[in-house]
Amino acid sequence: MNLHQLNLPAGLHVRPARANDNPFLEVLHNEKRSDLRLIDAERDFVESLIDMQFRAMNQGYGEQFPNALYFIIEYHSESVGRAVLDFTDNHVHLVDIAFLQKARGHGLGEAVVRSFMYSSNQLRVPMVLSVQQLNLAAKQLYLKLGFRTYKMELPHEKMIWYPPTLVVRREVNTTE
C-alpha cells in the first residue's frame, strides 16, 4: 500500500506505527475502554484490567494477523487514531480502527476508511471488517460506504465491500 496515494483530505495523514507511539496507543485504548471505569471496584483493579486488555488485544492481533500493518492516523500532525490492516491475496481486512473521542464526528474516520477502500480497489480485492452490532454509528457509516453484512458472529457483524474494479472483472469473466 502506497501511503502517498491514499487520497486523504488536507491535514489528515496515515503513517506506519513506531515503537514510540506506544504511549499514544495506551491513551487511545484507555479512552476506548472508559466504560470499564463504571465498574464498582477499586480503581487499581479497573486500571490493571484495562492494561491487561490492551496487552491481550495487541498479542491477539499479532497471533491472529501476523502480517498485519499497524498505522497511526494524524490530523494536523497530532496523533488522533490508529488502524490495523491485514493484506491477503483475497482481501484487505480492516482489523481495527479507533479514534480519540475529540477526533470523532468530524469525518476523519470516513475519510480514512474511504482511503483504505481506494487501496482495496487498486488491488482489485474486496475489503472486509467486523463491527460490533451495538456500535450503530460505525455500522451506519459502513453501510453508507457500501459495505454489506455477510455473516453474523454475535456480538459482531462481518461486513464486506466489493470494489468497482472487482465487479467489472467478474462481469467480464461471466460473459466469456
C-alpha atoms as a PDB file:
ATOM      1  CA  MET A   1       0.000   0.000   0.000  1.00  0.00           C
ATOM      2  CA  ASN A   2       1.440   3.330  -1.043  1.00  0.00           C
ATOM      3  CA  LEU A   3       0.687   5.755   1.795  1.00  0.00           C
ATOM      4  CA  HIS A   4       1.255   8.741  -0.501  1.00  0.00           C
ATOM      5  CA  GLN A   5      -1.643   7.710  -2.746  1.00  0.00           C
ATOM      6  CA  LEU A   6      -4.399   7.377  -0.148  1.00  0.00           C
ATOM      7  CA  ASN A   7      -6.446  10.387  -1.337  1.00  0.00           C
ATOM      8  CA  LEU A   8      -6.770  11.865   2.152  1.00  0.00           C
ATOM      9  CA  PRO A   9      -8.057  15.391   2.832  1.00  0.00           C
ATOM     10  CA  ALA A  10      -5.551  18.102   3.735  1.00  0.00           C
ATOM     11  CA  GLY A  11      -4.131  17.721   7.216  1.00  0.00           C
ATOM     12  CA  LEU A  12      -5.023  14.032   7.518  1.00  0.00           C
ATOM     13  CA  HIS A  13      -2.170  11.515   7.317  1.00  0.00           C
ATOM     14  CA  VAL A  14      -1.719   7.794   7.861  1.00  0.00           C
ATOM     15  CA  ARG A  15       1.757   6.544   8.720  1.00  0.00           C
ATOM     16  CA  PRO A  16       3.259   3.287   9.964  1.00  0.00           C
ATOM     17  CA  ALA A  17       3.194   2.923  13.746  1.00  0.00           C
ATOM     18  CA  ARG A  18       6.522   3.138  15.569  1.00  0.00           C
ATOM     19  CA  ALA A  19       7.692   1.914  18.957  1.00  0.00           C
ATOM     20  CA  ASN A  20       7.487   5.449  20.359  1.00  0.00           C
ATOM     21  CA  ASP A  21       3.727   5.508  19.563  1.00  0.00           C
ATOM     22  CA  ASN A  22       3.006   3.129  22.432  1.00  0.00           C
ATOM     23  CA  PRO A  23       2.110   5.871  24.961  1.00  0.00           C
ATOM     24  CA  PHE A  24      -0.445   7.278  22.490  1.00  0.00           C
ATOM     25  CA  LEU A  25      -1.850   3.802  21.812  1.00  0.00           C
ATOM     26  CA  GLU A  26      -2.286   3.241  25.552  1.00  0.00           C
ATOM     27  CA  VAL A  27      -4.146   6.560  25.885  1.00  0.00           C
ATOM     28  CA  LEU A  28      -6.355   5.620  22.935  1.00  0.00           C
ATOM     29  CA  HIS A  29      -7.128   2.211  24.425  1.00  0.00           C
ATOM     30  CA  ASN A  30      -7.797   3.681  27.874  1.00  0.00           C
ATOM     31  CA  GLU A  31     -10.249   6.124  26.336  1.00  0.00           C
ATOM     32  CA  LYS A  32     -11.946   3.377  24.324  1.00  0.00           C
ATOM     33  CA  ARG A  33     -12.431   1.302  27.482  1.00  0.00           C
ATOM     34  CA  SER A  34     -13.620   4.105  29.737  1.00  0.00           C
ATOM     35  CA  ASP A  35     -16.810   2.058  30.170  1.00  0.00           C
ATOM     36  CA  LEU A  36     -14.873  -0.252  32.488  1.00  0.00           C
ATOM     37  CA  ARG A  37     -14.318   2.639  34.876  1.00  0.00           C
ATOM     38  CA  LEU A  38     -18.029   2.410  35.688  1.00  0.00           C
ATOM     39  CA  ILE A  39     -17.456  -0.958  37.359  1.00  0.00           C
ATOM     40  CA  ASP A  40     -17.967  -0.830  41.108  1.00  0.00           C
ATOM     41  CA  ALA A  41     -14.432  -1.900  42.002  1.00  0.00           C
ATOM     42  CA  GLU A  42     -11.185  -0.445  43.253  1.00  0.00           C
ATOM     43  CA  ARG A  43      -9.554   1.948  40.824  1.00  0.00           C
ATOM     44  CA  ASP A  44      -6.274  -0.019  40.758  1.00  0.00           C
ATOM     45  CA  PHE A  45      -8.154  -3.196  39.809  1.00  0.00           C
ATOM     46  CA  VAL A  46     -10.021  -1.460  36.979  1.00  0.00           C
ATOM     47  CA  GLU A  47      -6.847   0.183  35.644  1.00  0.00           C
ATOM     48  CA  SER A  48      -4.994  -3.150  35.719  1.00  0.00           C
ATOM     49  CA  LEU A  49      -7.924  -4.756  33.880  1.00  0.00           C
ATOM     50  CA  ILE A  50      -7.764  -2.085  31.156  1.00  0.00           C
ATOM     51  CA  ASP A  51      -3.984  -2.526  30.893  1.00  0.00           C
ATOM     52  CA  MET A  52      -4.349  -6.311  30.692  1.00  0.00           C
ATOM     53  CA  GLN A  53      -6.904  -5.947  27.888  1.00  0.00           C
ATOM     54  CA  PHE A  54      -4.543  -3.641  25.985  1.00  0.00           C
ATOM     55  CA  ARG A  55      -1.736  -6.200  26.145  1.00  0.00           C
ATOM     56  CA  ALA A  56      -4.073  -9.087  25.279  1.00  0.00           C
ATOM     57  CA  MET A  57      -5.519  -7.194  22.304  1.00  0.00           C
ATOM     58  CA  ASN A  58      -2.076  -6.461  20.869  1.00  0.00           C
ATOM     59  CA  GLN A  59      -0.889 -10.011  21.417  1.00  0.00           C
ATOM     60  CA  GLY A  60      -4.100 -11.374  19.901  1.00  0.00           C
ATOM     61  CA  TYR A  61      -3.755  -9.238  16.782  1.00  0.00           C
ATOM     62  CA  GLY A  62      -0.150 -10.363  16.433  1.00  0.00           C
ATOM     63  CA  GLU A  63      -1.112 -14.028  16.653  1.00  0.00           C
ATOM     64  CA  GLN A  64      -4.265 -13.849  14.551  1.00  0.00           C
ATOM     65  CA  PHE A  65      -2.883 -11.468  11.911  1.00  0.00           C
ATOM     66  CA  PRO A  66       0.901 -11.974  11.853  1.00  0.00           C
ATOM     67  CA  ASN A  67       1.317  -9.965   8.639  1.00  0.00           C
ATOM     68  CA  ALA A  68      -0.902  -7.055   9.667  1.00  0.00           C
ATOM     69  CA  LEU A  69       0.285  -3.483   9.253  1.00  0.00           C
ATOM     70  CA  TYR A  70      -0.232  -1.010  12.092  1.00  0.00           C
ATOM     71  CA  PHE A  71      -0.872   2.642  11.319  1.00  0.00           C
ATOM     72  CA  ILE A  72      -1.178   5.876  13.256  1.00  0.00           C
ATOM     73  CA  ILE A  73      -3.723   8.380  11.983  1.00  0.00           C
ATOM     74  CA  GLU A  74      -2.654  12.004  12.369  1.00  0.00           C
ATOM     75  CA  TYR A  75      -4.635  15.174  11.908  1.00  0.00           C
ATOM     76  CA  HIS A  76      -2.538  18.321  11.539  1.00  0.00           C
ATOM     77  CA  SER A  77       0.492  16.399  12.883  1.00  0.00           C
ATOM     78  CA  GLU A  78      -1.334  15.234  16.035  1.00  0.00           C
ATOM     79  CA  SER A  79      -1.980  11.530  16.615  1.00  0.00           C
ATOM     80  CA  VAL A  80      -5.749  11.025  16.741  1.00  0.00           C
ATOM     81  CA  GLY A  81      -6.254   7.358  15.877  1.00  0.00           C
ATOM     82  CA  ARG A  82      -4.919   4.060  14.725  1.00  0.00           C
ATOM     83  CA  ALA A  83      -5.742   1.421  12.162  1.00  0.00           C
ATOM     84  CA  VAL A  84      -4.706  -2.185  11.718  1.00  0.00           C
ATOM     85  CA  LEU A  85      -4.867  -3.647   8.201  1.00  0.00           C
ATOM     86  CA  ASP A  86      -4.161  -7.173   7.062  1.00  0.00           C
ATOM     87  CA  PHE A  87      -3.488  -7.620   3.354  1.00  0.00           C
ATOM     88  CA  THR A  88      -4.050 -11.091   1.902  1.00  0.00           C
ATOM     89  CA  ASP A  89      -4.244 -12.357  -1.665  1.00  0.00           C
ATOM     90  CA  ASN A  90      -8.044 -12.446  -1.369  1.00  0.00           C
ATOM     91  CA  HIS A  91      -8.958  -9.278   0.532  1.00  0.00           C
ATOM     92  CA  VAL A  92      -7.927  -6.290   2.602  1.00  0.00           C
ATOM     93  CA  HIS A  93      -9.054  -6.765   6.195  1.00  0.00           C
ATOM     94  CA  LEU A  94      -9.617  -3.679   8.326  1.00  0.00           C
ATOM     95  CA  VAL A  95      -8.867  -5.427  11.610  1.00  0.00           C
ATOM     96  CA  ASP A  96      -9.315  -2.357  13.802  1.00  0.00           C
ATOM     97  CA  ILE A  97      -9.787   1.375  13.550  1.00  0.00           C
ATOM     98  CA  ALA A  98     -10.138   3.692  16.531  1.00  0.00           C
ATOM     99  CA  PHE A  99     -10.078   7.424  17.176  1.00  0.00           C
ATOM    100  CA  LEU A 100      -9.728   9.605  20.233  1.00  0.00           C
ATOM    101  CA  GLN A 101     -13.073  10.988  21.361  1.00  0.00           C
ATOM    102  CA  LYS A 102     -12.105  14.529  20.336  1.00  0.00           C
ATOM    103  CA  ALA A 103     -11.466  13.330  16.758  1.00  0.00           C
ATOM    104  CA  ARG A 104     -14.799  11.555  16.331  1.00  0.00           C
ATOM    105  CA  GLY A 105     -17.701  13.070  14.469  1.00  0.00           C
ATOM    106  CA  HIS A 106     -15.585  15.188  12.119  1.00  0.00           C
ATOM    107  CA  GLY A 107     -15.465  12.843   9.125  1.00  0.00           C
ATOM    108  CA  LEU A 108     -11.916  11.652   9.787  1.00  0.00           C
ATOM    109  CA  GLY A 109     -12.928   8.005  10.130  1.00  0.00           C
ATOM    110  CA  GLU A 110     -14.929   8.126   6.927  1.00  0.00           C
ATOM    111  CA  ALA A 111     -12.005   9.710   5.072  1.00  0.00           C
ATOM    112  CA  VAL A 112      -9.563   7.078   6.328  1.00  0.00           C
ATOM    113  CA  VAL A 113     -11.887   4.156   5.553  1.00  0.00           C
ATOM    114  CA  ARG A 114     -12.513   5.597   2.084  1.00  0.00           C
ATOM    115  CA  SER A 115      -8.757   5.799   1.532  1.00  0.00           C
ATOM    116  CA  PHE A 116      -8.377   2.142   2.505  1.00  0.00           C
ATOM    117  CA  MET A 117     -11.241   1.307   0.134  1.00  0.00           C
ATOM    118  CA  TYR A 118      -9.307   3.143  -2.577  1.00  0.00           C
ATOM    119  CA  SER A 119      -6.316   0.872  -1.887  1.00  0.00           C
ATOM    120  CA  SER A 120      -8.571  -2.184  -1.969  1.00  0.00           C
ATOM    121  CA  ASN A 121      -9.908  -1.020  -5.323  1.00  0.00           C
ATOM    122  CA  GLN A 122      -6.359  -0.549  -6.654  1.00  0.00           C
ATOM    123  CA  LEU A 123      -5.528  -4.107  -5.549  1.00  0.00           C
ATOM    124  CA  ARG A 124      -8.807  -5.406  -7.043  1.00  0.00           C
ATOM    125  CA  VAL A 125      -9.796  -7.280  -3.898  1.00  0.00           C
ATOM    126  CA  PRO A 126     -12.737  -6.827  -1.526  1.00  0.00           C
ATOM    127  CA  MET A 127     -12.365  -5.167   1.843  1.00  0.00           C
ATOM    128  CA  VAL A 128     -13.716  -6.876   4.959  1.00  0.00           C
ATOM    129  CA  LEU A 129     -14.233  -5.735   8.521  1.00  0.00           C
ATOM    130  CA  SER A 130     -16.066  -6.635  11.686  1.00  0.00           C
ATOM    131  CA  VAL A 131     -18.270  -4.198  13.603  1.00  0.00           C
ATOM    132  CA  GLN A 132     -19.977  -4.530  16.967  1.00  0.00           C
ATOM    133  CA  GLN A 133     -23.721  -4.671  16.466  1.00  0.00           C
ATOM    134  CA  LEU A 134     -24.249  -2.072  19.178  1.00  0.00           C
ATOM    135  CA  ASN A 135     -21.857   0.381  17.502  1.00  0.00           C
ATOM    136  CA  LEU A 136     -24.629   1.929  15.430  1.00  0.00           C
ATOM    137  CA  ALA A 137     -22.619   4.946  14.274  1.00  0.00           C
ATOM    138  CA  ALA A 138     -19.863   2.773  12.807  1.00  0.00           C
ATOM    139  CA  LYS A 139     -22.353   0.348  11.287  1.00  0.00           C
ATOM    140  CA  GLN A 140     -24.254   3.233   9.643  1.00  0.00           C
ATOM    141  CA  LEU A 141     -21.002   4.611   8.253  1.00  0.00           C
ATOM    142  CA  TYR A 142     -20.005   1.266   6.764  1.00  0.00           C
ATOM    143  CA  LEU A 143     -23.449   0.792   5.213  1.00  0.00           C
ATOM    144  CA  LYS A 144     -23.255   4.322   3.773  1.00  0.00           C
ATOM    145  CA  LEU A 145     -19.874   3.447   2.241  1.00  0.00           C
ATOM    146  CA  GLY A 146     -21.330   0.369   0.544  1.00  0.00           C
ATOM    147  CA  PHE A 147     -20.383  -2.417   2.937  1.00  0.00           C
ATOM    148  CA  ARG A 148     -22.873  -5.256   3.345  1.00  0.00           C
ATOM    149  CA  THR A 149     -23.233  -7.770   6.156  1.00  0.00           C
ATOM    150  CA  TYR A 150     -22.244 -11.260   5.073  1.00  0.00           C
ATOM    151  CA  LYS A 151     -22.021 -13.073   8.411  1.00  0.00           C
ATOM    152  CA  MET A 152     -23.284 -12.648  11.969  1.00  0.00           C
ATOM    153  CA  GLU A 153     -20.923 -13.661  14.771  1.00  0.00           C
ATOM    154  CA  LEU A 154     -22.534 -12.163  17.846  1.00  0.00           C
ATOM    155  CA  PRO A 155     -21.834  -9.585  19.105  1.00  0.00           C
ATOM    156  CA  HIS A 156     -20.226  -8.653  15.763  1.00  0.00           C
ATOM    157  CA  GLU A 157     -21.274  -8.426  12.152  1.00  0.00           C
ATOM    158  CA  LYS A 158     -18.786  -9.239   9.436  1.00  0.00           C
ATOM    159  CA  MET A 159     -19.102  -6.843   6.522  1.00  0.00           C
ATOM    160  CA  ILE A 160     -17.670  -6.767   3.020  1.00  0.00           C
ATOM    161  CA  TRP A 161     -17.237  -4.173   0.289  1.00  0.00           C
ATOM    162  CA  TYR A 162     -16.564  -5.106  -3.323  1.00  0.00           C
ATOM    163  CA  PRO A 163     -14.582  -2.544  -5.307  1.00  0.00           C
ATOM    164  CA  PRO A 164     -15.904  -1.482  -8.713  1.00  0.00           C
ATOM    165  CA  THR A 165     -12.804  -2.910 -10.411  1.00  0.00           C
ATOM    166  CA  LEU A 166     -13.606  -6.346  -8.991  1.00  0.00           C
ATOM    167  CA  VAL A 167     -17.248  -6.170 -10.034  1.00  0.00           C
ATOM    168  CA  VAL A 168     -16.249  -5.234 -13.592  1.00  0.00           C
ATOM    169  CA  ARG A 169     -13.733  -8.068 -13.700  1.00  0.00           C
ATOM    170  CA  ARG A 170     -16.373 -10.549 -12.501  1.00  0.00           C
ATOM    171  CA  GLU A 171     -18.827  -9.319 -15.112  1.00  0.00           C
ATOM    172  CA  VAL A 172     -16.223  -9.823 -17.822  1.00  0.00           C
ATOM    173  CA  ASN A 173     -15.475 -13.338 -16.558  1.00  0.00           C
ATOM    174  CA  THR A 174     -19.143 -14.333 -16.515  1.00  0.00           C
ATOM    175  CA  THR A 175     -19.718 -13.314 -20.138  1.00  0.00           C
ATOM    176  CA  GLU A 176     -16.848 -15.347 -21.584  1.00  0.00           C
END
